[in-house]
Amino acid sequence: EFFTSSIIAPSNRINMASRKSLRSFALILAVFGLVVGIATFARESLSERKVANVYEPVLTVDNEALEFSDYDVLVEAESDVAFGHRNLKTSTKTSTKSTTTKSTTTKSPTTTTRVTFWDKLKNSLAETVIGLLLICFVPCFMWKNEGRHVKELKKIDFCKNEAIVVDDSDSPSEDDVGRLVYFTGAVSVGDAELELPEGGLNVTQGIAKALIVKRTCYIYQKFEESHTETEKDKIGGGETQTTTYSVREDWTTRGPEPEQLEHLEDETNSRGIWDGLVEASGNGSGENYGSIPPDSTPSPNAVAVSSAAHVGGFGLSEEIIREEPFVFGLVDGLFSDSEDGMTLPVPADLIPDSVEGCEGLEKGSDGILRTFPEDEEPKNGDCKVVYEFVQDGFDCTFIVQQTLGIDADPEAGAKYGVSDFHAMDSTCFGKCDNDLGQVRMIRRGKYELPEMIEMATSEENACHKLLRLILWALLVGGWTMLFSIFTTVLSTLPLIGTLGYAAVVIVALIVGTLCCGIVTSVAFIRYRPLLMSIILVVLAGITGIVVWRLNVAAETAEEEAVGNSTNVTNGTLYRF
């Protein structure tokens, strides 16, 4: 009654028949909602009762015959030896029969979860809070992204205008110390060999022409994977989720996985000799030549960098090389297929034949240490150790600060070093702070200075657009989640729920795009005032011209109307 009266009270033109129609319609909606609520409650109660009556299938073994009673669940295990994967498939049969097989008892890796309307309603409350947080914080990140983009472009422009070109990297000038320089050349270690401490998992001798030596340990483990199928109720807003779990076996460098898989009780993982590898590597006692990746978990993986690395007369510190993994090949396998053979396997004669504390670890013909025969497939818990090194001789291009002192390596013949350059913007128009921060550009390959600037600008523009797109999607998602309670309630009705969700998405797209445009426009005024001023002046000029022409046209039309009125008043009639 209150709902209908609040609708029809403002209008005085609605007659009594219309009022009765509205009341009848409201009454029908109320009754329909009551019926939906009762049906939902009954369905949930019935579903809970059915779930309570379902029990695990009984599986008995009689020699080689498996007899299934009540519910027959046939579990088929397929092994793919070539790819090291094993998938478990389940199929349900309603009749009782005997099957001859050699498989052992395996529980069904399928779980069914009932999600009621009230569960979805509680989840929608959390989604509403998350949506509100996204709406509040995403515009702030949009603002920061615009400022970051302008700052990065200023850094690139600073390098373009301030970098001093060093024509010959073999003979840098002392006058350029402390200044931003550009040079290109081949990374070299000269005649120095990269030597490692003796014993353990380390190579037995120094490696010539090696910029980096990497040791990567793998263990063969089982991983649990899941696939969920959702079946929504036709009415009531609930849904049934069926999750099927499978096992995948593969190599990993992160160390042993959990001993017991969470949803597959019969599947376990073995640690093998991993703990022995950790002790032999020195990570257990703190004696190692650099762990990679840096992690609190002890790992036998390691990397060593040559201290004799240089480009002409410029020495390269280990810090610079480690901070540019994509340039110097620290990332595993990144350049393993490159034409210049940047990453190469360590010669087999430099790899130890056996490692103390790692029983069963044998060296293969390819120089890889394995706990299983080279011509056989690995089993769970098997380990292998792969040795690689990055060979020098590849070209690199630098835009860095030329230094003198601690970064220089006299043994390598490098008198000068390189580091980041602290850039200060002298213009700082539209910015309260002219500090641009640290500047450094290093790229693998030989490029001219304009090419370096062009590639850096292109990459920054692509990064800026990608972040814009991601933030816009988050903002639209936030507006959609803000109305999740509304869409959850509407989901109780089949067609209306779908239409309601589509309407919410459309509104979110419009509002999210509008918010994104407003934030970007205001950020343009803040971070690009000169460009925005020019745009506003141009727009004001175009608007003024359009208004002026419209006024001229209106005055001309008015004069013609006045002239026609005067002719009619004088009684003058023109015939053609």
Protein backbone atom coordinates (compact mmCIF):
# COMPACT_ATOMS: atom_id res chain seq x y z
CA GLU A 1 0.00 0.00 0.00
CA PHE A 2 2.83 2.38 0.87
CA PHE A 3 4.70 1.43 -2.32
CA THR A 4 1.70 2.04 -4.60
CA SER A 5 0.66 5.24 -2.84
CA SER A 6 4.16 6.69 -3.12
CA ILE A 7 4.08 6.07 -6.86
CA ILE A 8 0.62 7.42 -7.68
CA ALA A 9 0.45 10.32 -5.18
CA PRO A 10 2.42 12.88 -7.24
CA SER A 11 0.17 12.48 -10.27
CA ASN A 12 -3.33 14.00 -10.23
CA ARG A 13 -4.23 12.71 -13.69
CA ILE A 14 -4.36 9.03 -12.78
CA ASN A 15 -7.92 7.87 -12.27
CA MET A 16 -9.16 5.33 -9.79
CA ALA A 17 -9.04 2.49 -12.32
CA SER A 18 -5.33 3.09 -12.84
CA ARG A 19 -4.78 3.16 -9.09
CA LYS A 20 -6.57 -0.16 -8.71
CA SER A 21 -4.49 -1.61 -11.54
CA LEU A 22 -1.27 -0.51 -9.85
CA ARG A 23 -2.39 -1.99 -6.53
CA SER A 24 -3.28 -5.24 -8.24
CA PHE A 25 0.09 -5.34 -9.97
CA ALA A 26 1.90 -4.71 -6.67
CA LEU A 27 -0.14 -7.44 -5.00
CA ILE A 28 0.73 -9.88 -7.80
CA LEU A 29 4.44 -9.07 -7.40
CA ALA A 30 4.23 -9.61 -3.65
CA VAL A 31 2.49 -12.97 -4.05
CA PHE A 32 4.98 -14.01 -6.73
CA GLY A 33 7.88 -13.08 -4.47
CA LEU A 34 6.37 -15.10 -1.63
CA VAL A 35 5.97 -18.12 -3.91
CA VAL A 36 9.59 -17.78 -5.09
CA GLY A 37 10.79 -17.61 -1.49
CA ILE A 38 8.84 -20.72 -0.51
CA ALA A 39 10.08 -22.58 -3.59
CA THR A 40 13.67 -21.59 -2.87
CA PHE A 41 13.43 -22.70 0.74
CA ALA A 42 11.87 -26.01 -0.26
CA ARG A 43 14.52 -26.62 -2.93
CA GLU A 44 17.39 -25.89 -0.54
CA SER A 45 15.92 -28.18 2.13
CA LEU A 46 15.44 -30.97 -0.41
CA SER A 47 18.98 -30.49 -1.75
CA GLU A 48 20.46 -30.65 1.75
CA ARG A 49 18.48 -33.81 2.44
CA LYS A 50 19.74 -35.41 -0.76
CA VAL A 51 23.33 -34.42 -0.02
CA ALA A 52 22.99 -35.89 3.46
CA ASN A 53 21.87 -39.23 2.01
CA VAL A 54 24.74 -39.53 -0.46
CA TYR A 55 27.59 -41.72 0.78
CA GLU A 56 30.92 -42.88 -0.56
CA PRO A 57 30.77 -45.71 -3.10
CA VAL A 58 31.80 -49.10 -1.72
CA LEU A 59 34.67 -50.62 -3.67
CA THR A 60 35.60 -54.25 -3.00
CA VAL A 61 38.41 -56.20 -4.58
CA ASP A 62 38.00 -59.91 -5.35
CA ASN A 63 41.23 -61.08 -7.00
CA GLU A 64 41.11 -59.03 -10.22
CA ALA A 65 37.38 -58.32 -10.23
CA LEU A 66 36.06 -55.01 -8.90
CA GLU A 67 32.41 -55.10 -7.80
CA PHE A 68 30.55 -51.81 -7.47
CA SER A 69 27.45 -51.60 -5.25
CA ASP A 70 24.68 -48.94 -5.17
CA TYR A 71 26.62 -46.25 -7.12
CA ASP A 72 29.14 -47.52 -9.65
CA VAL A 73 32.02 -45.10 -10.09
CA LEU A 74 34.51 -46.18 -12.67
CA VAL A 75 37.86 -44.41 -12.32
CA GLU A 76 40.13 -44.57 -15.31
CA ALA A 77 43.74 -43.52 -14.97
CA GLU A 78 45.56 -42.54 -18.14
CA SER A 79 49.30 -41.96 -18.13
CA ASP A 80 50.94 -39.72 -20.70
CA VAL A 81 54.60 -40.59 -20.36
CA ALA A 82 55.80 -38.26 -23.11
CA PHE A 83 54.50 -35.14 -21.37
CA GLY A 84 54.62 -36.36 -17.79
CA HIS A 85 50.92 -35.77 -17.16
CA ARG A 86 48.37 -38.06 -15.60
CA ASN A 87 44.67 -37.28 -15.68
CA LEU A 88 41.95 -38.97 -13.66
CA LYS A 89 38.56 -39.26 -15.38
CA THR A 90 35.36 -40.31 -13.71
CA SER A 91 32.12 -41.62 -15.15
CA THR A 92 29.01 -42.68 -13.22
CA LYS A 93 26.91 -45.72 -14.10
CA THR A 94 23.54 -46.59 -12.57
CA SER A 95 23.66 -50.35 -13.05
CA THR A 96 25.69 -52.91 -11.10
CA LYS A 97 28.33 -54.85 -12.95
CA SER A 98 31.79 -56.38 -12.56
CA THR A 99 34.90 -55.06 -14.26
CA THR A 100 38.26 -56.74 -14.71
CA THR A 101 41.15 -54.34 -14.13
CA LYS A 102 44.61 -54.09 -12.59
CA SER A 103 44.04 -50.68 -11.00
CA THR A 104 44.18 -50.22 -7.24
CA THR A 105 41.45 -48.63 -5.13
CA THR A 106 41.05 -44.91 -5.97
CA LYS A 107 38.51 -42.53 -4.48
CA SER A 108 36.42 -40.33 -6.73
CA PRO A 109 38.18 -36.96 -7.28
CA THR A 110 34.88 -35.13 -7.71
CA THR A 111 33.16 -32.94 -5.12
CA THR A 112 29.74 -31.29 -5.32
CA THR A 113 29.01 -28.06 -3.45
CA ARG A 114 25.59 -26.52 -3.03
CA VAL A 115 25.54 -22.70 -3.06
CA THR A 116 22.22 -21.35 -1.79
CA PHE A 117 20.63 -18.02 -2.52
CA TRP A 118 21.51 -16.80 0.97
CA ASP A 119 25.15 -17.78 0.46
CA LYS A 120 25.23 -15.76 -2.75
CA LEU A 121 23.56 -12.86 -0.96
CA LYS A 122 26.26 -12.87 1.73
CA ASN A 123 28.94 -12.98 -0.95
CA SER A 124 27.29 -10.08 -2.73
CA LEU A 125 27.67 -7.97 0.43
CA ALA A 126 31.42 -8.55 0.32
CA GLU A 127 31.45 -7.76 -3.41
CA THR A 128 29.62 -4.50 -2.70
CA VAL A 129 32.32 -3.46 -0.22
CA ILE A 130 35.07 -4.42 -2.68
CA GLY A 131 33.31 -2.48 -5.44
CA LEU A 132 33.07 0.60 -3.21
CA LEU A 133 36.79 0.37 -2.44
CA LEU A 134 37.61 0.06 -6.16
CA ILE A 135 35.50 3.11 -6.96
CA CYS A 136 37.35 5.09 -4.28
CA PHE A 137 40.94 4.00 -4.98
CA VAL A 138 41.12 3.27 -8.74
CA PRO A 139 40.74 6.98 -9.70
CA CYS A 140 43.72 7.71 -7.43
CA PHE A 141 45.80 5.13 -9.30
CA MET A 142 44.60 6.64 -12.60
CA TRP A 143 45.86 10.01 -11.40
CA LYS A 144 49.22 8.53 -10.38
CA ASN A 145 49.52 6.72 -13.70
CA GLU A 146 49.14 9.97 -15.62
CA GLY A 147 51.79 11.60 -13.44
CA ARG A 148 54.09 8.59 -13.78
CA HIS A 149 53.72 8.69 -17.58
CA VAL A 150 54.63 12.38 -17.77
CA LYS A 151 57.63 11.80 -15.49
CA GLU A 152 58.90 8.87 -17.58
CA LEU A 153 58.55 10.88 -20.78
CA LYS A 154 60.54 13.69 -19.18
CA LYS A 155 63.25 11.19 -18.26
CA ILE A 156 63.41 10.00 -21.85
CA ASP A 157 63.50 13.58 -23.11
CA PHE A 158 66.27 14.32 -20.59
CA CYS A 159 68.35 11.47 -22.00
CA LYS A 160 67.73 12.73 -25.52
CA ASN A 161 68.92 16.25 -24.72
CA GLU A 162 71.61 15.68 -22.09
CA ALA A 163 73.35 12.40 -23.04
CA ILE A 164 76.90 12.84 -24.31
CA VAL A 165 77.79 10.50 -27.16
CA VAL A 166 81.00 8.51 -26.59
CA ASP A 167 82.20 7.58 -30.06
CA ASP A 168 84.80 5.07 -28.86
CA SER A 169 83.88 3.07 -25.76
CA ASP A 170 87.48 1.81 -25.49
CA SER A 171 88.76 5.30 -24.66
CA PRO A 172 86.30 7.27 -22.53
CA SER A 173 87.13 10.86 -21.62
CA GLU A 174 87.89 11.82 -18.05
CA ASP A 175 85.94 15.04 -18.59
CA ASP A 176 82.70 13.03 -18.78
CA VAL A 177 82.97 11.61 -15.26
CA GLY A 178 79.72 12.29 -13.41
CA ARG A 179 77.81 13.06 -16.61
CA LEU A 180 75.19 11.12 -18.56
CA VAL A 181 76.87 9.32 -21.47
CA TYR A 182 75.76 7.14 -24.37
CA PHE A 183 77.96 4.37 -25.73
CA THR A 184 77.67 0.95 -27.33
CA GLY A 185 79.98 -2.05 -27.55
CA ALA A 186 80.54 -5.74 -26.87
CA VAL A 187 80.32 -7.10 -23.32
CA SER A 188 83.55 -8.93 -22.54
CA VAL A 189 85.39 -10.56 -19.64
CA GLY A 190 88.76 -10.66 -21.42
CA ASP A 191 90.97 -13.60 -20.50
CA ALA A 192 89.52 -13.94 -16.99
CA GLU A 193 87.86 -17.20 -15.97
CA LEU A 194 84.82 -17.35 -13.74
CA GLU A 195 86.01 -19.50 -10.84
CA LEU A 196 83.81 -20.87 -8.06
CA PRO A 197 84.59 -22.36 -4.64
CA GLU A 198 85.54 -26.02 -4.82
CA GLY A 199 83.28 -28.84 -3.69
CA GLY A 200 79.56 -29.34 -3.40
CA LEU A 201 77.48 -28.69 -6.53
CA ASN A 202 79.94 -26.18 -7.99
CA VAL A 203 81.81 -26.80 -11.22
CA THR A 204 85.30 -28.22 -10.83
CA GLN A 205 87.19 -25.60 -12.89
CA GLY A 206 86.91 -22.01 -14.02
CA ILE A 207 84.98 -21.31 -17.23
CA ALA A 208 86.58 -19.12 -19.86
CA LYS A 209 84.54 -16.40 -21.67
CA ALA A 210 81.75 -16.83 -19.09
CA LEU A 211 79.89 -13.73 -17.96
CA ILE A 212 77.37 -15.66 -15.84
CA VAL A 213 77.17 -19.25 -14.58
CA LYS A 214 73.78 -20.61 -13.55
CA ARG A 215 72.94 -23.76 -11.61
CA THR A 216 69.28 -24.79 -11.69
CA CYS A 217 67.94 -27.74 -9.70
CA TYR A 218 64.66 -29.42 -10.63
CA ILE A 219 62.45 -31.92 -8.81
CA TYR A 220 59.68 -33.99 -10.38
CA GLN A 221 56.45 -33.44 -8.43
CA LYS A 222 52.68 -33.91 -8.55
CA PHE A 223 50.40 -30.90 -8.85
CA GLU A 224 46.69 -30.83 -8.13
CA GLU A 225 44.49 -29.21 -10.74
CA SER A 226 40.79 -28.54 -10.56
CA HIS A 227 38.00 -27.88 -13.03
CA THR A 228 34.67 -26.50 -11.78
CA GLU A 229 31.34 -26.68 -13.61
CA THR A 230 28.43 -24.58 -12.35
CA GLU A 231 24.78 -25.43 -12.91
CA LYS A 232 22.43 -22.61 -12.01
CA ASP A 233 18.91 -23.25 -10.75
CA LYS A 234 16.12 -22.27 -13.08
CA ILE A 235 14.42 -20.47 -10.22
CA GLY A 236 15.50 -19.48 -6.74
CA GLY A 237 18.96 -18.02 -7.44
CA GLY A 238 20.96 -21.02 -6.16
CA GLU A 239 23.54 -23.06 -8.02
CA THR A 240 25.39 -26.37 -7.85
CA GLN A 241 29.16 -26.44 -8.32
CA THR A 242 30.85 -29.69 -9.37
CA THR A 243 34.63 -29.69 -9.06
CA THR A 244 36.77 -32.40 -10.66
CA TYR A 245 40.35 -32.79 -9.48
CA SER A 246 43.20 -34.20 -11.56
CA VAL A 247 46.91 -34.79 -11.14
CA ARG A 248 49.67 -33.25 -13.27
CA GLU A 249 53.30 -34.29 -12.91
CA ASP A 250 56.03 -31.93 -14.05
CA TRP A 251 59.44 -30.48 -13.21
CA THR A 252 59.66 -27.53 -10.83
CA THR A 253 62.51 -25.38 -9.50
CA ARG A 254 60.56 -24.16 -6.45
CA GLY A 255 61.32 -27.23 -4.42
CA PRO A 256 59.09 -30.06 -3.14
CA GLU A 257 55.33 -29.57 -3.21
CA PRO A 258 53.14 -30.54 -0.21
CA GLU A 259 53.58 -34.20 0.68
CA GLN A 260 49.82 -34.86 0.61
CA LEU A 261 47.61 -33.37 -2.12
CA GLU A 262 44.64 -31.62 -0.57
CA HIS A 263 41.76 -33.33 -2.39
CA LEU A 264 43.47 -36.51 -3.63
CA GLU A 265 44.30 -38.56 -0.58
CA ASP A 266 46.06 -41.34 -2.48
CA GLU A 267 48.44 -38.95 -4.24
CA THR A 268 51.64 -38.01 -2.39
CA ASN A 269 54.92 -36.27 -3.20
CA SER A 270 58.42 -37.45 -2.36
CA ARG A 271 61.20 -34.99 -1.47
CA GLY A 272 63.85 -37.22 -2.99
CA ILE A 273 67.36 -35.88 -2.40
CA TRP A 274 66.28 -32.22 -2.43
CA ASP A 275 67.43 -31.62 1.16
CA GLY A 276 70.80 -33.13 0.26
CA LEU A 277 71.06 -30.74 -2.71
CA VAL A 278 70.38 -27.80 -0.44
CA GLU A 279 73.13 -28.87 1.95
CA ALA A 280 75.59 -29.56 -0.86
CA SER A 281 74.91 -26.17 -2.44
CA GLY A 282 75.96 -24.35 0.72
CA ASN A 283 72.60 -22.71 1.39
CA GLY A 284 72.21 -24.82 4.49
CA SER A 285 75.44 -23.41 5.96
CA GLY A 286 75.36 -20.00 4.28
CA GLU A 287 78.28 -20.72 1.92
CA ASN A 288 77.10 -20.15 -1.63
CA TYR A 289 77.89 -17.91 -4.57
CA GLY A 290 74.49 -16.23 -4.90
CA SER A 291 71.05 -17.69 -4.57
CA ILE A 292 68.52 -17.16 -7.36
CA PRO A 293 65.73 -16.37 -6.97
CA PRO A 294 66.17 -14.66 -3.59
CA ASP A 295 63.83 -16.49 -1.29
CA SER A 296 63.57 -17.26 2.41
CA THR A 297 63.18 -20.94 1.54
CA PRO A 298 66.56 -22.69 1.17
CA SER A 299 67.20 -23.49 -2.47
CA PRO A 300 70.14 -25.10 -4.28
CA ASN A 301 69.68 -22.82 -7.30
CA ALA A 302 72.46 -20.29 -7.73
CA VAL A 303 74.08 -17.82 -10.11
CA ALA A 304 77.61 -16.38 -10.29
CA VAL A 305 78.61 -13.18 -12.12
CA SER A 306 82.09 -12.39 -13.38
CA SER A 307 83.81 -9.44 -11.75
CA ALA A 308 85.80 -8.76 -14.94
CA ALA A 309 82.80 -7.78 -17.09
CA HIS A 310 83.32 -4.59 -19.08
CA VAL A 311 82.44 -2.80 -22.30
CA GLY A 312 85.58 -1.18 -23.64
CA GLY A 313 86.86 1.11 -20.90
CA PHE A 314 83.65 0.88 -18.86
CA GLY A 315 83.45 -1.76 -16.12
CA LEU A 316 80.12 -3.44 -15.32
CA SER A 317 79.43 -4.14 -11.66
CA GLU A 318 77.61 -7.25 -10.50
CA GLU A 319 74.77 -5.06 -9.24
CA ILE A 320 74.17 -3.60 -12.71
CA ILE A 321 74.15 -7.06 -14.30
CA ARG A 322 71.77 -8.53 -11.71
CA GLU A 323 69.36 -5.59 -12.04
CA GLU A 324 69.06 -6.15 -15.82
CA PRO A 325 68.18 -9.88 -16.07
CA PHE A 326 66.50 -9.58 -19.48
CA VAL A 327 69.58 -7.92 -20.98
CA PHE A 328 72.32 -10.17 -19.62
CA GLY A 329 70.46 -13.50 -19.62
CA LEU A 330 69.81 -14.05 -15.91
CA VAL A 331 66.25 -15.16 -16.64
CA ASP A 332 66.15 -18.92 -17.20
CA GLY A 333 65.91 -19.91 -20.83
CA LEU A 334 65.23 -16.38 -22.11
CA PHE A 335 68.03 -16.40 -24.69
CA SER A 336 68.59 -20.15 -24.92
CA ASP A 337 67.27 -20.22 -28.49
CA SER A 338 68.91 -17.04 -29.72
CA GLU A 339 71.04 -17.13 -32.81
CA ASP A 340 74.20 -15.92 -31.08
CA GLY A 341 74.05 -18.76 -28.54
CA MET A 342 73.99 -16.45 -25.51
CA THR A 343 73.20 -19.27 -23.06
CA LEU A 344 75.22 -22.43 -23.45
CA PRO A 345 75.50 -25.67 -21.46
CA VAL A 346 78.57 -25.99 -19.28
CA PRO A 347 81.02 -28.57 -20.72
CA ALA A 348 80.46 -31.99 -19.17
CA ASP A 349 84.09 -32.36 -18.11
CA LEU A 350 83.72 -29.36 -15.75
CA ILE A 351 80.76 -30.85 -13.88
CA PRO A 352 81.42 -33.09 -10.84
CA ASP A 353 80.86 -36.82 -11.33
CA SER A 354 79.33 -37.26 -7.88
CA VAL A 355 78.20 -35.05 -5.02
CA GLU A 356 78.73 -35.96 -1.40
CA GLY A 357 75.44 -36.36 0.46
CA CYS A 358 73.42 -36.81 -2.76
CA GLU A 359 73.36 -40.54 -3.30
CA GLY A 360 72.12 -41.68 -6.69
CA LEU A 361 72.99 -38.42 -8.47
CA GLU A 362 74.80 -39.39 -11.68
CA LYS A 363 76.19 -37.31 -14.54
CA GLY A 364 74.77 -37.93 -18.00
CA SER A 365 76.42 -37.55 -21.37
CA ASP A 366 74.84 -34.09 -21.70
CA GLY A 367 76.43 -32.86 -18.47
CA ILE A 368 73.18 -32.95 -16.46
CA LEU A 369 73.17 -34.58 -13.02
CA ARG A 370 70.17 -36.91 -12.58
CA THR A 371 68.84 -39.35 -10.00
CA PHE A 372 67.37 -41.53 -12.77
CA PRO A 373 68.89 -43.09 -15.89
CA GLU A 374 69.29 -40.69 -18.79
CA ASP A 375 67.26 -42.86 -21.18
CA GLU A 376 64.33 -43.40 -18.78
CA GLU A 377 61.36 -41.29 -17.72
CA PRO A 378 61.52 -39.61 -14.29
CA LYS A 379 59.44 -40.70 -11.32
CA ASN A 380 58.03 -38.66 -8.48
CA GLY A 381 60.83 -37.27 -6.32
CA ASP A 382 63.53 -37.55 -8.98
CA CYS A 383 65.92 -34.58 -9.22
CA LYS A 384 68.21 -33.13 -11.86
CA VAL A 385 70.80 -30.34 -11.85
CA VAL A 386 71.35 -28.27 -15.01
CA TYR A 387 74.45 -26.08 -15.51
CA GLU A 388 74.46 -23.18 -18.00
CA PHE A 389 76.62 -20.16 -18.64
CA VAL A 390 76.17 -16.89 -20.52
CA GLN A 391 78.97 -16.31 -22.97
CA ASP A 392 80.38 -12.84 -23.49
CA GLY A 393 80.78 -11.13 -26.87
CA PHE A 394 77.23 -9.80 -27.37
CA ASP A 395 76.58 -6.10 -28.04
CA CYS A 396 74.84 -3.78 -25.61
CA THR A 397 73.85 -0.11 -25.71
CA PHE A 398 74.05 2.08 -22.59
CA ILE A 399 72.76 5.47 -21.47
CA VAL A 400 74.24 5.73 -17.96
CA GLN A 401 76.35 7.89 -15.71
CA GLN A 402 80.10 7.58 -16.12
CA THR A 403 81.82 7.02 -12.78
CA LEU A 404 85.33 6.63 -11.47
CA GLY A 405 86.42 4.76 -8.37
CA ILE A 406 84.77 1.77 -6.68
CA ASP A 407 82.96 0.59 -9.81
CA ALA A 408 86.15 0.43 -11.86
CA ASP A 409 88.00 -2.89 -12.27
CA PRO A 410 91.70 -2.34 -13.09
CA GLU A 411 92.26 -6.07 -13.72
CA ALA A 412 89.71 -5.97 -16.54
CA GLY A 413 91.35 -2.92 -18.05
CA ALA A 414 88.31 -0.76 -17.25
CA LYS A 415 89.24 2.60 -15.74
CA TYR A 416 85.69 3.84 -15.44
CA GLY A 417 82.42 2.40 -14.18
CA VAL A 418 78.71 3.01 -14.82
CA SER A 419 75.77 3.77 -12.54
CA ASP A 420 72.36 5.42 -12.48
CA PHE A 421 72.18 9.15 -13.18
CA HIS A 422 70.12 11.39 -10.90
CA ALA A 423 68.19 13.65 -13.28
CA MET A 424 66.80 17.09 -12.43
CA ASP A 425 64.31 18.83 -14.71
CA SER A 426 65.28 22.46 -15.23
CA THR A 427 61.92 23.42 -16.79
CA CYS A 428 59.56 21.80 -14.25
CA PHE A 429 56.62 23.69 -15.81
CA GLY A 430 53.43 22.48 -14.17
CA LYS A 431 55.33 20.38 -11.61
CA CYS A 432 56.03 21.28 -7.99
CA ASP A 433 59.06 18.97 -7.91
CA ASN A 434 61.73 18.96 -10.61
CA ASP A 435 63.42 15.79 -9.32
CA LEU A 436 63.00 13.09 -11.99
CA GLY A 437 64.80 10.40 -10.02
CA GLN A 438 67.27 7.83 -11.33
CA VAL A 439 67.84 7.42 -15.07
CA ARG A 440 69.41 4.40 -16.76
CA MET A 441 68.84 2.75 -20.15
CA ILE A 442 70.50 -0.55 -21.08
CA ARG A 443 69.41 -2.58 -24.07
CA ARG A 444 70.86 -5.69 -25.66
CA GLY A 445 72.02 -4.97 -29.20
CA LYS A 446 73.66 -2.07 -30.99
CA TYR A 447 71.45 1.01 -31.46
CA GLU A 448 71.95 4.68 -32.23
CA LEU A 449 70.86 7.27 -29.67
CA PRO A 450 67.68 8.30 -31.60
CA GLU A 451 66.70 4.62 -31.89
CA MET A 452 67.10 4.15 -28.13
CA ILE A 453 64.92 7.20 -27.46
CA GLU A 454 62.29 6.09 -29.95
CA MET A 455 62.07 2.55 -28.54
CA ALA A 456 61.92 3.82 -24.96
CA THR A 457 59.12 6.25 -25.87
CA SER A 458 57.18 3.54 -27.69
CA GLU A 459 57.47 1.12 -24.77
CA GLU A 460 56.41 3.76 -22.26
CA ASN A 461 53.37 4.73 -24.34
CA ALA A 462 52.37 1.07 -24.62
CA CYS A 463 52.79 0.60 -20.85
CA HIS A 464 50.75 3.73 -20.17
CA LYS A 465 47.88 2.59 -22.39
CA LEU A 466 47.92 -0.90 -20.88
CA LEU A 467 47.70 0.52 -17.36
CA ARG A 468 44.89 2.81 -18.46
CA LEU A 469 42.97 -0.15 -19.84
CA ILE A 470 43.51 -2.24 -16.70
CA LEU A 471 42.43 0.60 -14.40
CA TRP A 472 39.38 1.32 -16.56
CA ALA A 473 38.38 -2.35 -16.38
CA LEU A 474 38.83 -2.31 -12.59
CA LEU A 475 36.68 0.81 -12.32
CA VAL A 476 33.91 -0.70 -14.45
CA GLY A 477 34.17 -3.89 -12.39
CA GLY A 478 33.86 -1.82 -9.21
CA TRP A 479 30.65 -0.18 -10.39
CA THR A 480 29.29 -3.59 -11.41
CA MET A 481 30.14 -5.09 -8.01
CA LEU A 482 28.55 -2.13 -6.24
CA PHE A 483 25.14 -3.35 -7.45
CA SER A 484 25.85 -7.04 -6.80
CA ILE A 485 23.10 -7.23 -4.15
CA PHE A 486 20.60 -5.98 -6.70
CA THR A 487 21.72 -8.48 -9.36
CA THR A 488 21.74 -11.33 -6.81
CA VAL A 489 18.13 -10.63 -5.84
CA LEU A 490 17.11 -10.42 -9.49
CA SER A 491 18.87 -13.72 -10.22
CA THR A 492 15.97 -15.54 -8.55
CA LEU A 493 13.96 -14.81 -11.70
CA PRO A 494 15.32 -16.46 -14.86
CA LEU A 495 14.77 -13.81 -17.55
CA ILE A 496 14.56 -10.73 -15.34
CA GLY A 497 17.82 -11.68 -13.63
CA THR A 498 19.72 -11.82 -16.93
CA LEU A 499 18.22 -8.54 -18.15
CA GLY A 500 18.95 -6.87 -14.81
CA TYR A 501 22.59 -7.96 -14.88
CA ALA A 502 22.95 -6.72 -18.47
CA ALA A 503 21.45 -3.37 -17.46
CA VAL A 504 23.88 -3.07 -14.52
CA VAL A 505 26.84 -3.84 -16.80
CA ILE A 506 25.73 -1.20 -19.32
CA VAL A 507 25.32 1.41 -16.57
CA ALA A 508 28.74 0.45 -15.14
CA LEU A 509 30.35 0.82 -18.57
CA ILE A 510 28.87 4.29 -19.00
CA VAL A 511 29.62 5.56 -15.49
CA GLY A 512 33.09 3.95 -15.38
CA THR A 513 34.07 5.44 -18.74
CA LEU A 514 32.76 8.85 -17.65
CA CYS A 515 34.77 8.73 -14.41
CA CYS A 516 37.87 7.63 -16.31
CA GLY A 517 37.47 10.51 -18.76
CA ILE A 518 37.00 13.07 -15.97
CA VAL A 519 40.05 11.89 -14.00
CA THR A 520 42.21 11.82 -17.15
CA SER A 521 41.09 15.33 -18.16
CA VAL A 522 41.81 16.80 -14.74
CA ALA A 523 45.18 15.00 -14.68
CA PHE A 524 45.99 16.53 -18.07
CA ILE A 525 45.45 19.99 -16.58
CA ARG A 526 47.65 19.13 -13.60
CA TYR A 527 50.52 17.34 -15.31
CA ARG A 528 50.38 18.84 -18.82
CA PRO A 529 49.24 22.44 -18.31
CA LEU A 530 50.95 23.80 -21.42
CA LEU A 531 49.44 21.18 -23.72
CA MET A 532 46.05 21.50 -22.05
CA SER A 533 46.21 25.30 -22.32
CA ILE A 534 46.86 25.05 -26.05
CA ILE A 535 43.96 22.61 -26.42
CA LEU A 536 41.63 24.90 -24.45
CA VAL A 537 42.69 27.95 -26.50
CA VAL A 538 42.05 26.06 -29.74
CA LEU A 539 38.66 24.85 -28.48
CA ALA A 540 37.77 28.37 -27.32
CA GLY A 541 38.76 29.77 -30.72
CA ILE A 542 36.65 27.20 -32.58
CA THR A 543 33.73 27.85 -30.24
CA GLY A 544 34.06 31.62 -30.72
CA ILE A 545 34.09 31.29 -34.51
CA VAL A 546 31.03 29.05 -34.47
CA VAL A 547 29.13 31.44 -32.15
CA TRP A 548 30.14 34.43 -34.26
CA ARG A 549 28.94 32.81 -37.49
CA LEU A 550 25.67 31.78 -35.84
CA ASN A 551 25.12 35.37 -34.66
CA VAL A 552 25.83 36.71 -38.15
CA ALA A 553 23.39 34.23 -39.65
CA ALA A 554 20.73 35.18 -37.06
CA GLU A 555 21.20 38.91 -37.75
CA THR A 556 20.96 38.34 -41.49
CA ALA A 557 17.75 36.32 -41.06
CA GLU A 558 16.32 39.02 -38.82
CA GLU A 559 17.10 41.77 -41.34
CA GLU A 560 15.45 39.77 -44.12
CA ALA A 561 12.38 39.23 -41.94
CA VAL A 562 12.18 42.97 -41.17
CA GLY A 563 12.52 43.81 -44.89
CA ASN A 564 9.73 41.43 -45.85
CA SER A 565 7.49 42.91 -43.15
CA THR A 566 8.13 46.47 -44.46
CA ASN A 567 7.19 45.45 -48.01
CA VAL A 568 3.91 43.97 -46.87
CA THR A 569 3.10 47.10 -44.81
CA ASN A 570 3.64 49.43 -47.81
CA GLY A 571 1.22 47.34 -49.78
CA THR A 572 3.76 46.51 -52.38
CA LEU A 573 3.09 43.23 -54.10
CA TYR A 574 5.68 41.61 -56.27
CA ARG A 575 4.67 38.98 -58.75
CA PHE A 576 7.06 36.79 -60.67
